[in-house]
Amino acid sequence: MVYLRIVFILSLAVWPAAARADIYRFVDREGVVHFSNVQPTGKFQLYMREGPKASHPPRSTGYSVDGWMADYVNRYCRAHNLSPALVHAIIKAESNGQRKAVSPKGAKGVMQLMPFTSKRLQVSDPFDPIQNIEGGIRYIKELLSTFDGDITSAVAAYNAGPAAVKKYGGVPPYQETRVYVRRVLNLYRQYSASE
């Protein structure tokens, strides 16, 4: 079993970049491990996720983020009909693109997901930037839906929670949240201009 894993990991290291894809794994009753790069149905589970191919980071984001990560944000947002500029603004304000960021309150990763939010969004590893970005984008979409497309309320809810925004009928009177909302909206306008 150990030998099989070592061979598999070594094969990934020499596998051409063009041939890479998500890897799915299944262990049968006899202990034989099966791998597939095509999402099969049934007992296979995601084993390893492919990162988007590297490229140069977009100059417009203005924060420290890997180029492939910025490209992934752009592609995933467009696939989900969401402005990449909004997500880039939130990432800049939350973590400055640092995938291992942890807030004093326990929020983790690029988009600073709280543990209960990660669990609800099925983000098993908040430090995996792909899972974190996908979860964060789904959460933003959810908040925009909750607040009828009101970006200001959705951004406030991303920081303070939807219950606080509902309670106060808009941006809560918390200094941290007000500063956060202003910062994200300013960055959003800046990034939108070059989107």
N, C-alpha and C. Protein backbone atom coordinates (compact mmCIF):
# COMPACT_ATOMS: atom_id res chain seq x y z
N MET A 1 0.83 -1.20 0.00
CA MET A 1 0.00 0.00 0.00
C MET A 1 0.86 1.25 0.00
N VAL A 2 1.92 1.26 0.86
CA VAL A 2 2.83 2.40 0.92
C VAL A 2 3.54 2.55 -0.42
N TYR A 3 3.98 1.40 -0.99
CA TYR A 3 4.66 1.42 -2.28
C TYR A 3 3.76 2.02 -3.36
N LEU A 4 2.49 1.62 -3.38
CA LEU A 4 1.54 2.14 -4.36
C LEU A 4 1.41 3.66 -4.25
N ARG A 5 1.30 4.17 -3.03
CA ARG A 5 1.17 5.61 -2.83
C ARG A 5 2.42 6.34 -3.30
N ILE A 6 3.60 5.78 -2.97
CA ILE A 6 4.85 6.43 -3.38
C ILE A 6 4.94 6.47 -4.90
N VAL A 7 4.61 5.37 -5.56
CA VAL A 7 4.63 5.33 -7.03
C VAL A 7 3.64 6.35 -7.58
N PHE A 8 2.46 6.42 -6.98
CA PHE A 8 1.44 7.36 -7.45
C PHE A 8 1.92 8.81 -7.30
N ILE A 9 2.48 9.14 -6.13
CA ILE A 9 2.96 10.50 -5.90
C ILE A 9 4.10 10.83 -6.85
N LEU A 10 5.03 9.89 -7.05
CA LEU A 10 6.12 10.12 -8.00
C LEU A 10 5.60 10.30 -9.41
N SER A 11 4.58 9.54 -9.77
CA SER A 11 4.02 9.67 -11.12
C SER A 11 3.37 11.04 -11.30
N LEU A 12 2.79 11.60 -10.23
CA LEU A 12 2.22 12.94 -10.33
C LEU A 12 3.31 13.98 -10.54
N ALA A 13 4.47 13.77 -9.93
CA ALA A 13 5.56 14.73 -10.05
C ALA A 13 6.10 14.80 -11.48
N VAL A 14 6.06 13.68 -12.21
CA VAL A 14 6.59 13.69 -13.57
C VAL A 14 5.49 13.76 -14.62
N TRP A 15 4.24 13.76 -14.20
CA TRP A 15 3.10 13.83 -15.11
C TRP A 15 3.11 15.18 -15.80
N PRO A 16 2.98 15.24 -17.12
CA PRO A 16 2.98 16.54 -17.80
C PRO A 16 1.84 17.41 -17.31
N ALA A 17 2.08 18.71 -17.21
CA ALA A 17 1.08 19.65 -16.70
C ALA A 17 -0.22 19.59 -17.49
N ALA A 18 -0.12 19.39 -18.80
CA ALA A 18 -1.32 19.39 -19.63
C ALA A 18 -2.23 18.21 -19.31
N ALA A 19 -1.65 17.13 -18.74
CA ALA A 19 -2.44 15.94 -18.48
C ALA A 19 -3.04 15.93 -17.07
N ARG A 20 -2.75 16.93 -16.27
CA ARG A 20 -3.22 16.93 -14.89
C ARG A 20 -4.72 17.21 -14.80
N ALA A 21 -5.31 16.63 -13.75
CA ALA A 21 -6.74 16.83 -13.51
C ALA A 21 -7.02 16.43 -12.07
N ASP A 22 -8.24 16.67 -11.62
CA ASP A 22 -8.63 16.21 -10.29
C ASP A 22 -8.46 14.68 -10.27
N ILE A 23 -8.09 14.16 -9.11
CA ILE A 23 -7.89 12.72 -8.97
C ILE A 23 -8.92 12.19 -7.98
N TYR A 24 -9.56 11.10 -8.35
CA TYR A 24 -10.57 10.46 -7.52
C TYR A 24 -10.04 9.09 -7.08
N ARG A 25 -10.42 8.66 -5.88
CA ARG A 25 -9.85 7.45 -5.28
C ARG A 25 -10.96 6.58 -4.71
N PHE A 26 -10.73 5.27 -4.82
CA PHE A 26 -11.66 4.29 -4.25
C PHE A 26 -10.84 3.09 -3.78
N VAL A 27 -11.09 2.61 -2.57
CA VAL A 27 -10.45 1.41 -2.05
C VAL A 27 -11.51 0.31 -2.03
N ASP A 28 -11.24 -0.78 -2.77
CA ASP A 28 -12.24 -1.85 -2.83
C ASP A 28 -12.13 -2.76 -1.60
N ARG A 29 -13.00 -3.78 -1.54
CA ARG A 29 -13.07 -4.68 -0.37
C ARG A 29 -11.76 -5.42 -0.11
N GLU A 30 -10.97 -5.60 -1.13
CA GLU A 30 -9.71 -6.34 -0.99
C GLU A 30 -8.54 -5.40 -0.68
N GLY A 31 -8.83 -4.12 -0.50
CA GLY A 31 -7.78 -3.17 -0.15
C GLY A 31 -7.04 -2.59 -1.35
N VAL A 32 -7.49 -2.89 -2.55
CA VAL A 32 -6.85 -2.36 -3.75
C VAL A 32 -7.32 -0.92 -3.95
N VAL A 33 -6.36 -0.03 -4.17
CA VAL A 33 -6.68 1.39 -4.34
C VAL A 33 -6.81 1.68 -5.83
N HIS A 34 -7.94 2.27 -6.22
CA HIS A 34 -8.20 2.63 -7.61
C HIS A 34 -8.20 4.16 -7.72
N PHE A 35 -7.60 4.68 -8.79
CA PHE A 35 -7.56 6.11 -9.03
C PHE A 35 -8.16 6.41 -10.40
N SER A 36 -8.76 7.58 -10.52
CA SER A 36 -9.31 8.02 -11.79
C SER A 36 -9.17 9.53 -11.91
N ASN A 37 -8.89 10.00 -13.13
CA ASN A 37 -8.87 11.44 -13.35
C ASN A 37 -10.17 11.93 -13.96
N VAL A 38 -11.14 11.05 -14.08
CA VAL A 38 -12.47 11.39 -14.56
C VAL A 38 -13.42 11.22 -13.39
N GLN A 39 -14.28 12.20 -13.17
CA GLN A 39 -15.17 12.10 -12.01
C GLN A 39 -16.16 10.96 -12.22
N PRO A 40 -15.89 9.83 -11.55
CA PRO A 40 -16.79 8.70 -11.70
C PRO A 40 -17.96 8.80 -10.73
N THR A 41 -18.95 7.99 -10.97
CA THR A 41 -20.08 7.92 -10.05
C THR A 41 -19.82 6.76 -9.10
N GLY A 42 -20.51 6.73 -8.02
CA GLY A 42 -20.39 5.61 -7.11
C GLY A 42 -19.48 5.88 -5.93
N LYS A 43 -18.59 4.94 -5.68
CA LYS A 43 -17.81 4.94 -4.45
C LYS A 43 -16.56 5.80 -4.50
N PHE A 44 -16.17 6.33 -5.65
CA PHE A 44 -14.98 7.15 -5.74
C PHE A 44 -15.21 8.48 -5.02
N GLN A 45 -14.16 8.97 -4.37
CA GLN A 45 -14.21 10.27 -3.71
C GLN A 45 -13.03 11.11 -4.18
N LEU A 46 -13.21 12.42 -4.13
CA LEU A 46 -12.13 13.32 -4.52
C LEU A 46 -10.93 13.06 -3.63
N TYR A 47 -9.78 12.82 -4.26
CA TYR A 47 -8.55 12.53 -3.52
C TYR A 47 -7.58 13.71 -3.58
N MET A 48 -7.46 14.32 -4.76
CA MET A 48 -6.54 15.44 -4.94
C MET A 48 -7.12 16.37 -5.99
N ARG A 49 -7.14 17.65 -5.68
CA ARG A 49 -7.70 18.62 -6.61
C ARG A 49 -6.57 19.30 -7.37
N GLU A 50 -6.77 19.44 -8.67
CA GLU A 50 -5.78 20.13 -9.49
C GLU A 50 -5.91 21.63 -9.28
N GLY A 51 -4.80 22.29 -9.11
CA GLY A 51 -4.79 23.76 -9.06
C GLY A 51 -4.82 24.30 -10.47
N PRO A 52 -5.44 25.45 -10.68
CA PRO A 52 -5.40 26.05 -12.00
C PRO A 52 -3.96 26.31 -12.42
N LYS A 53 -3.73 26.30 -13.72
CA LYS A 53 -2.39 26.51 -14.24
C LYS A 53 -1.87 27.89 -13.88
N ALA A 54 -0.58 27.97 -13.61
CA ALA A 54 0.04 29.24 -13.20
C ALA A 54 0.05 30.24 -14.34
N SER A 55 -0.05 31.48 -14.00
CA SER A 55 0.07 32.57 -14.96
C SER A 55 0.51 33.79 -14.20
N HIS A 56 0.63 34.89 -14.89
CA HIS A 56 1.03 36.12 -14.21
C HIS A 56 -0.16 36.70 -13.47
N PRO A 57 0.03 37.22 -12.24
CA PRO A 57 -1.10 37.79 -11.52
C PRO A 57 -1.61 39.04 -12.20
N PRO A 58 -2.93 39.25 -12.20
CA PRO A 58 -3.45 40.46 -12.79
C PRO A 58 -2.98 41.67 -12.01
N ARG A 59 -2.54 42.69 -12.71
CA ARG A 59 -2.04 43.89 -12.05
C ARG A 59 -3.15 44.65 -11.32
N SER A 60 -4.38 44.45 -11.77
CA SER A 60 -5.49 45.24 -11.23
C SER A 60 -5.87 44.88 -9.80
N THR A 61 -5.52 43.66 -9.33
CA THR A 61 -5.97 43.28 -8.01
C THR A 61 -5.22 44.00 -6.90
N GLY A 62 -3.94 44.31 -7.11
CA GLY A 62 -3.19 45.11 -6.16
C GLY A 62 -2.97 44.44 -4.81
N TYR A 63 -3.00 43.12 -4.76
CA TYR A 63 -2.70 42.46 -3.50
C TYR A 63 -1.81 41.27 -3.78
N SER A 64 -1.27 40.72 -2.71
CA SER A 64 -0.32 39.62 -2.81
C SER A 64 -1.08 38.31 -2.98
N VAL A 65 -1.24 37.88 -4.20
CA VAL A 65 -1.94 36.63 -4.46
C VAL A 65 -1.25 35.94 -5.62
N ASP A 66 -1.16 34.61 -5.55
CA ASP A 66 -0.58 33.86 -6.65
C ASP A 66 -1.37 34.12 -7.92
N GLY A 67 -0.68 34.19 -9.05
CA GLY A 67 -1.34 34.44 -10.32
C GLY A 67 -2.42 33.43 -10.64
N TRP A 68 -2.13 32.13 -10.38
CA TRP A 68 -3.14 31.13 -10.68
C TRP A 68 -4.36 31.31 -9.80
N MET A 69 -4.16 31.78 -8.56
CA MET A 69 -5.28 31.97 -7.64
C MET A 69 -6.19 33.09 -8.15
N ALA A 70 -5.59 34.18 -8.60
CA ALA A 70 -6.38 35.29 -9.14
C ALA A 70 -7.14 34.84 -10.39
N ASP A 71 -6.47 34.06 -11.24
CA ASP A 71 -7.13 33.53 -12.44
C ASP A 71 -8.30 32.63 -12.05
N TYR A 72 -8.10 31.81 -11.01
CA TYR A 72 -9.15 30.90 -10.56
C TYR A 72 -10.34 31.68 -10.04
N VAL A 73 -10.09 32.73 -9.27
CA VAL A 73 -11.17 33.60 -8.79
C VAL A 73 -11.96 34.13 -9.97
N ASN A 74 -11.25 34.63 -10.97
CA ASN A 74 -11.92 35.20 -12.15
C ASN A 74 -12.80 34.16 -12.84
N ARG A 75 -12.24 32.98 -13.08
CA ARG A 75 -13.00 31.94 -13.79
C ARG A 75 -14.19 31.44 -12.96
N TYR A 76 -13.97 31.19 -11.67
CA TYR A 76 -15.03 30.65 -10.83
C TYR A 76 -16.16 31.67 -10.66
N CYS A 77 -15.79 32.94 -10.52
CA CYS A 77 -16.81 34.00 -10.41
C CYS A 77 -17.65 34.07 -11.68
N ARG A 78 -16.99 34.07 -12.81
CA ARG A 78 -17.73 34.18 -14.08
C ARG A 78 -18.64 32.97 -14.28
N ALA A 79 -18.18 31.80 -13.86
CA ALA A 79 -19.01 30.59 -13.98
C ALA A 79 -20.23 30.68 -13.08
N HIS A 80 -20.16 31.49 -12.02
CA HIS A 80 -21.26 31.63 -11.07
C HIS A 80 -21.92 33.01 -11.16
N ASN A 81 -21.68 33.70 -12.27
CA ASN A 81 -22.34 34.99 -12.54
C ASN A 81 -22.14 35.98 -11.38
N LEU A 82 -20.90 36.13 -10.97
CA LEU A 82 -20.55 37.04 -9.88
C LEU A 82 -19.36 37.87 -10.33
N SER A 83 -19.33 39.13 -9.95
CA SER A 83 -18.24 40.01 -10.33
C SER A 83 -16.93 39.59 -9.65
N PRO A 84 -15.90 39.25 -10.42
CA PRO A 84 -14.60 38.94 -9.81
C PRO A 84 -14.07 40.11 -8.99
N ALA A 85 -14.38 41.33 -9.39
CA ALA A 85 -13.89 42.51 -8.67
C ALA A 85 -14.36 42.49 -7.22
N LEU A 86 -15.58 42.06 -6.97
CA LEU A 86 -16.11 42.00 -5.61
C LEU A 86 -15.33 40.97 -4.78
N VAL A 87 -15.09 39.81 -5.37
CA VAL A 87 -14.36 38.76 -4.64
C VAL A 87 -12.92 39.18 -4.40
N HIS A 88 -12.28 39.79 -5.39
CA HIS A 88 -10.90 40.28 -5.19
C HIS A 88 -10.87 41.33 -4.08
N ALA A 89 -11.87 42.17 -4.02
CA ALA A 89 -11.92 43.20 -2.97
C ALA A 89 -12.05 42.55 -1.59
N ILE A 90 -12.88 41.53 -1.49
CA ILE A 90 -13.05 40.84 -0.21
C ILE A 90 -11.77 40.12 0.19
N ILE A 91 -11.13 39.46 -0.77
CA ILE A 91 -9.87 38.77 -0.47
C ILE A 91 -8.82 39.77 0.00
N LYS A 92 -8.71 40.89 -0.69
CA LYS A 92 -7.73 41.92 -0.30
C LYS A 92 -8.00 42.38 1.14
N ALA A 93 -9.25 42.67 1.45
CA ALA A 93 -9.61 43.16 2.78
C ALA A 93 -9.47 42.09 3.86
N GLU A 94 -9.76 40.86 3.51
CA GLU A 94 -9.76 39.79 4.50
C GLU A 94 -8.37 39.26 4.82
N SER A 95 -7.58 38.94 3.78
CA SER A 95 -6.32 38.23 4.01
C SER A 95 -5.15 38.73 3.18
N ASN A 96 -5.41 39.69 2.30
CA ASN A 96 -4.40 40.14 1.34
C ASN A 96 -3.87 38.96 0.52
N GLY A 97 -4.73 37.97 0.31
CA GLY A 97 -4.37 36.82 -0.52
C GLY A 97 -3.52 35.78 0.17
N GLN A 98 -3.38 35.85 1.48
CA GLN A 98 -2.54 34.90 2.22
C GLN A 98 -3.35 33.65 2.54
N ARG A 99 -2.99 32.55 1.95
CA ARG A 99 -3.78 31.32 2.10
C ARG A 99 -3.73 30.71 3.49
N LYS A 100 -2.73 31.01 4.28
CA LYS A 100 -2.62 30.45 5.64
C LYS A 100 -3.05 31.46 6.71
N ALA A 101 -3.71 32.54 6.31
CA ALA A 101 -4.13 33.58 7.27
C ALA A 101 -5.15 33.02 8.26
N VAL A 102 -5.00 33.45 9.53
CA VAL A 102 -5.95 33.09 10.58
C VAL A 102 -6.23 34.37 11.37
N SER A 103 -7.50 34.71 11.51
CA SER A 103 -7.87 35.92 12.25
C SER A 103 -7.91 35.63 13.75
N PRO A 104 -7.89 36.68 14.57
CA PRO A 104 -8.01 36.47 16.02
C PRO A 104 -9.32 35.76 16.41
N LYS A 105 -10.35 35.88 15.56
CA LYS A 105 -11.64 35.24 15.86
C LYS A 105 -11.74 33.82 15.30
N GLY A 106 -10.69 33.38 14.57
CA GLY A 106 -10.66 32.01 14.07
C GLY A 106 -11.02 31.84 12.61
N ALA A 107 -11.24 32.93 11.87
CA ALA A 107 -11.50 32.82 10.44
C ALA A 107 -10.22 32.38 9.75
N LYS A 108 -10.36 31.54 8.71
CA LYS A 108 -9.17 30.93 8.10
C LYS A 108 -9.16 31.07 6.59
N GLY A 109 -7.93 31.15 6.07
CA GLY A 109 -7.71 31.06 4.64
C GLY A 109 -7.86 32.37 3.90
N VAL A 110 -7.78 32.25 2.60
CA VAL A 110 -7.80 33.40 1.69
C VAL A 110 -9.02 34.28 1.91
N MET A 111 -10.19 33.66 2.05
CA MET A 111 -11.43 34.43 2.20
C MET A 111 -11.91 34.46 3.65
N GLN A 112 -11.05 34.01 4.57
CA GLN A 112 -11.33 34.11 6.00
C GLN A 112 -12.69 33.55 6.38
N LEU A 113 -12.87 32.27 6.12
CA LEU A 113 -14.13 31.60 6.48
C LEU A 113 -14.07 31.16 7.94
N MET A 114 -15.13 31.46 8.66
CA MET A 114 -15.24 31.00 10.05
C MET A 114 -15.47 29.47 10.03
N PRO A 115 -15.05 28.76 11.09
CA PRO A 115 -15.20 27.30 11.10
C PRO A 115 -16.63 26.81 10.84
N PHE A 116 -17.64 27.46 11.45
CA PHE A 116 -19.02 27.02 11.23
C PHE A 116 -19.47 27.29 9.80
N THR A 117 -18.97 28.37 9.20
CA THR A 117 -19.30 28.66 7.79
C THR A 117 -18.63 27.64 6.89
N SER A 118 -17.36 27.33 7.15
CA SER A 118 -16.65 26.31 6.37
C SER A 118 -17.40 24.98 6.41
N LYS A 119 -17.81 24.60 7.61
CA LYS A 119 -18.51 23.32 7.76
C LYS A 119 -19.81 23.32 6.96
N ARG A 120 -20.58 24.39 7.08
CA ARG A 120 -21.86 24.48 6.37
C ARG A 120 -21.67 24.46 4.86
N LEU A 121 -20.57 25.07 4.39
CA LEU A 121 -20.29 25.14 2.95
C LEU A 121 -19.50 23.93 2.46
N GLN A 122 -19.26 22.97 3.35
CA GLN A 122 -18.52 21.74 3.04
C GLN A 122 -17.08 22.04 2.57
N VAL A 123 -16.45 23.01 3.22
CA VAL A 123 -15.05 23.31 2.98
C VAL A 123 -14.28 22.52 4.03
N SER A 124 -13.72 21.39 3.64
CA SER A 124 -13.06 20.52 4.61
C SER A 124 -11.69 21.04 5.01
N ASP A 125 -11.01 21.77 4.11
CA ASP A 125 -9.69 22.33 4.42
C ASP A 125 -9.70 23.81 4.08
N PRO A 126 -9.95 24.68 5.06
CA PRO A 126 -10.03 26.11 4.76
C PRO A 126 -8.70 26.71 4.29
N PHE A 127 -7.59 25.99 4.47
CA PHE A 127 -6.30 26.48 3.98
C PHE A 127 -6.02 26.06 2.54
N ASP A 128 -6.87 25.21 1.99
CA ASP A 128 -6.78 24.87 0.57
C ASP A 128 -7.41 26.05 -0.17
N PRO A 129 -6.61 26.83 -0.91
CA PRO A 129 -7.17 28.04 -1.51
C PRO A 129 -8.32 27.79 -2.47
N ILE A 130 -8.32 26.66 -3.16
CA ILE A 130 -9.41 26.37 -4.09
C ILE A 130 -10.70 26.14 -3.32
N GLN A 131 -10.66 25.29 -2.29
CA GLN A 131 -11.86 25.06 -1.48
C GLN A 131 -12.32 26.36 -0.83
N ASN A 132 -11.38 27.14 -0.31
CA ASN A 132 -11.71 28.38 0.39
C ASN A 132 -12.36 29.38 -0.57
N ILE A 133 -11.78 29.53 -1.75
CA ILE A 133 -12.34 30.47 -2.74
C ILE A 133 -13.73 30.01 -3.17
N GLU A 134 -13.87 28.72 -3.48
CA GLU A 134 -15.18 28.22 -3.89
C GLU A 134 -16.22 28.41 -2.79
N GLY A 135 -15.84 28.10 -1.55
CA GLY A 135 -16.77 28.28 -0.43
C GLY A 135 -17.10 29.75 -0.22
N GLY A 136 -16.10 30.61 -0.28
CA GLY A 136 -16.32 32.05 -0.11
C GLY A 136 -17.23 32.62 -1.18
N ILE A 137 -17.03 32.19 -2.41
CA ILE A 137 -17.87 32.68 -3.51
C ILE A 137 -19.31 32.19 -3.34
N ARG A 138 -19.49 30.93 -2.95
CA ARG A 138 -20.84 30.43 -2.70
C ARG A 138 -21.50 31.22 -1.57
N TYR A 139 -20.71 31.56 -0.55
CA TYR A 139 -21.24 32.32 0.58
C TYR A 139 -21.65 33.73 0.16
N ILE A 140 -20.82 34.38 -0.64
CA ILE A 140 -21.17 35.73 -1.14
C ILE A 140 -22.45 35.66 -1.97
N LYS A 141 -22.55 34.66 -2.85
CA LYS A 141 -23.76 34.52 -3.66
C LYS A 141 -24.99 34.34 -2.75
N GLU A 142 -24.83 33.55 -1.70
CA GLU A 142 -25.92 33.31 -0.75
C GLU A 142 -26.32 34.63 -0.07
N LEU A 143 -25.33 35.40 0.35
CA LEU A 143 -25.61 36.68 1.02
C LEU A 143 -26.26 37.67 0.06
N LEU A 144 -25.81 37.71 -1.17
CA LEU A 144 -26.43 38.60 -2.16
C LEU A 144 -27.89 38.21 -2.39
N SER A 145 -28.16 36.92 -2.40
CA SER A 145 -29.53 36.45 -2.55
C SER A 145 -30.36 36.82 -1.33
N THR A 146 -29.80 36.63 -0.15
CA THR A 146 -30.49 36.95 1.11
C THR A 146 -30.87 38.43 1.17
N PHE A 147 -29.97 39.30 0.67
CA PHE A 147 -30.19 40.75 0.74
C PHE A 147 -30.58 41.35 -0.61
N ASP A 148 -31.25 40.54 -1.44
CA ASP A 148 -31.82 40.99 -2.72
C ASP A 148 -30.83 41.76 -3.59
N GLY A 149 -29.60 41.28 -3.64
CA GLY A 149 -28.59 41.89 -4.51
C GLY A 149 -27.95 43.14 -3.95
N ASP A 150 -28.28 43.53 -2.73
CA ASP A 150 -27.68 44.72 -2.11
C ASP A 150 -26.25 44.40 -1.70
N ILE A 151 -25.29 44.90 -2.46
CA ILE A 151 -23.87 44.59 -2.23
C ILE A 151 -23.42 45.10 -0.87
N THR A 152 -23.85 46.29 -0.48
CA THR A 152 -23.43 46.85 0.81
C THR A 152 -23.86 45.95 1.96
N SER A 153 -25.09 45.49 1.95
CA SER A 153 -25.58 44.61 3.01
C SER A 153 -24.88 43.25 2.97
N ALA A 154 -24.64 42.73 1.76
CA ALA A 154 -23.96 41.44 1.64
C ALA A 154 -22.54 41.53 2.18
N VAL A 155 -21.84 42.61 1.87
CA VAL A 155 -20.47 42.79 2.37
C VAL A 155 -20.48 42.95 3.89
N ALA A 156 -21.43 43.71 4.41
CA ALA A 156 -21.54 43.86 5.86
C ALA A 156 -21.82 42.52 6.52
N ALA A 157 -22.68 41.71 5.90
CA ALA A 157 -23.00 40.39 6.45
C ALA A 157 -21.80 39.45 6.37
N TYR A 158 -20.96 39.60 5.36
CA TYR A 158 -19.76 38.79 5.25
C TYR A 158 -18.86 39.03 6.46
N ASN A 159 -18.86 40.27 6.96
CA ASN A 159 -18.03 40.63 8.11
C ASN A 159 -18.73 40.38 9.44
N ALA A 160 -19.95 40.84 9.58
CA ALA A 160 -20.63 40.82 10.88
C ALA A 160 -21.65 39.70 11.02
N GLY A 161 -21.96 39.05 9.93
CA GLY A 161 -22.98 38.00 9.95
C GLY A 161 -24.33 38.53 9.49
N PRO A 162 -25.11 37.69 8.81
CA PRO A 162 -26.41 38.13 8.29
C PRO A 162 -27.39 38.53 9.39
N ALA A 163 -27.32 37.89 10.54
CA ALA A 163 -28.26 38.22 11.63
C ALA A 163 -28.08 39.67 12.08
N ALA A 164 -26.84 40.13 12.18
CA ALA A 164 -26.59 41.52 12.60
C ALA A 164 -27.10 42.51 11.57
N VAL A 165 -26.94 42.19 10.29
CA VAL A 165 -27.41 43.09 9.23
C VAL A 165 -28.93 43.15 9.23
N LYS A 166 -29.58 42.01 9.43
CA LYS A 166 -31.05 41.98 9.51
C LYS A 166 -31.54 42.75 10.74
N LYS A 167 -30.86 42.56 11.85
CA LYS A 167 -31.25 43.22 13.10
C LYS A 167 -31.24 44.74 12.95
N TYR A 168 -30.21 45.27 12.29
CA TYR A 168 -30.06 46.73 12.17
C TYR A 168 -30.61 47.27 10.84
N GLY A 169 -31.11 46.40 10.00
CA GLY A 169 -31.69 46.86 8.73
C GLY A 169 -30.64 47.45 7.79
N GLY A 170 -29.42 46.98 7.87
CA GLY A 170 -28.32 47.48 7.04
C GLY A 170 -27.00 47.28 7.77
N VAL A 171 -26.02 48.09 7.44
CA VAL A 171 -24.70 47.96 8.07
C VAL A 171 -24.82 48.17 9.58
N PRO A 172 -24.41 47.18 10.37
CA PRO A 172 -24.50 47.32 11.83
C PRO A 172 -23.60 48.46 12.34
N PRO A 173 -23.91 49.01 13.49
CA PRO A 173 -23.14 50.14 14.01
C PRO A 173 -21.83 49.72 14.68
N TYR A 174 -21.18 48.72 14.13
CA TYR A 174 -19.90 48.27 14.66
C TYR A 174 -18.79 48.98 13.88
N GLN A 175 -17.86 49.57 14.57
CA GLN A 175 -16.77 50.31 13.92
C GLN A 175 -16.01 49.42 12.94
N GLU A 176 -15.68 48.21 13.37
CA GLU A 176 -14.92 47.29 12.50
C GLU A 176 -15.68 47.02 11.20
N THR A 177 -16.99 46.78 11.31
CA THR A 177 -17.79 46.46 10.13
C THR A 177 -17.92 47.67 9.22
N ARG A 178 -18.11 48.85 9.77
CA ARG A 178 -18.22 50.06 8.94
C ARG A 178 -16.94 50.33 8.17
N VAL A 179 -15.80 50.19 8.84
CA VAL A 179 -14.51 50.39 8.17
C VAL A 179 -14.33 49.33 7.09
N TYR A 180 -14.68 48.09 7.42
CA TYR A 180 -14.56 46.97 6.48
C TYR A 180 -15.41 47.22 5.22
N VAL A 181 -16.66 47.60 5.41
CA VAL A 181 -17.56 47.83 4.28
C VAL A 181 -17.01 48.94 3.39
N ARG A 182 -16.57 50.06 4.00
CA ARG A 182 -16.00 51.15 3.19
C ARG A 182 -14.79 50.68 2.39
N ARG A 183 -13.93 49.90 3.05
CA ARG A 183 -12.72 49.43 2.37
C ARG A 183 -13.06 48.51 1.21
N VAL A 184 -13.94 47.53 1.44
CA VAL A 184 -14.30 46.58 0.39
C VAL A 184 -14.98 47.30 -0.77
N LEU A 185 -15.90 48.22 -0.48
CA LEU A 185 -16.60 48.92 -1.57
C LEU A 185 -15.65 49.81 -2.36
N ASN A 186 -14.69 50.44 -1.69
CA ASN A 186 -13.68 51.24 -2.42
C ASN A 186 -12.83 50.36 -3.31
N LEU A 187 -12.38 49.23 -2.78
CA LEU A 187 -11.60 48.29 -3.59
C LEU A 187 -12.44 47.74 -4.75
N TYR A 188 -13.69 47.44 -4.47
CA TYR A 188 -14.59 46.93 -5.51
C TYR A 188 -14.73 47.93 -6.66
N ARG A 189 -14.90 49.20 -6.33
CA ARG A 189 -14.99 50.22 -7.38
C ARG A 189 -13.68 50.29 -8.16
N GLN A 190 -12.57 50.25 -7.45
CA GLN A 190 -11.26 50.33 -8.09
C GLN A 190 -11.04 49.14 -9.03
N TYR A 191 -11.32 47.92 -8.55
CA TYR A 191 -11.12 46.73 -9.37
C TYR A 191 -12.13 46.64 -10.51
N SER A 192 -13.35 47.12 -10.27
CA SER A 192 -14.39 47.11 -11.33
C SER A 192 -13.99 47.97 -12.51
N ALA A 193 -13.29 49.08 -12.24
CA ALA A 193 -12.89 49.99 -13.30
C ALA A 193 -11.94 49.31 -14.28
N SER A 194 -11.17 48.34 -13.79
CA SER A 194 -10.22 47.66 -14.69
C SER A 194 -10.68 46.26 -15.06
N GLU A 195 -11.89 45.88 -14.68
CA GLU A 195 -12.40 44.52 -14.97
C GLU A 195 -12.83 44.40 -16.41
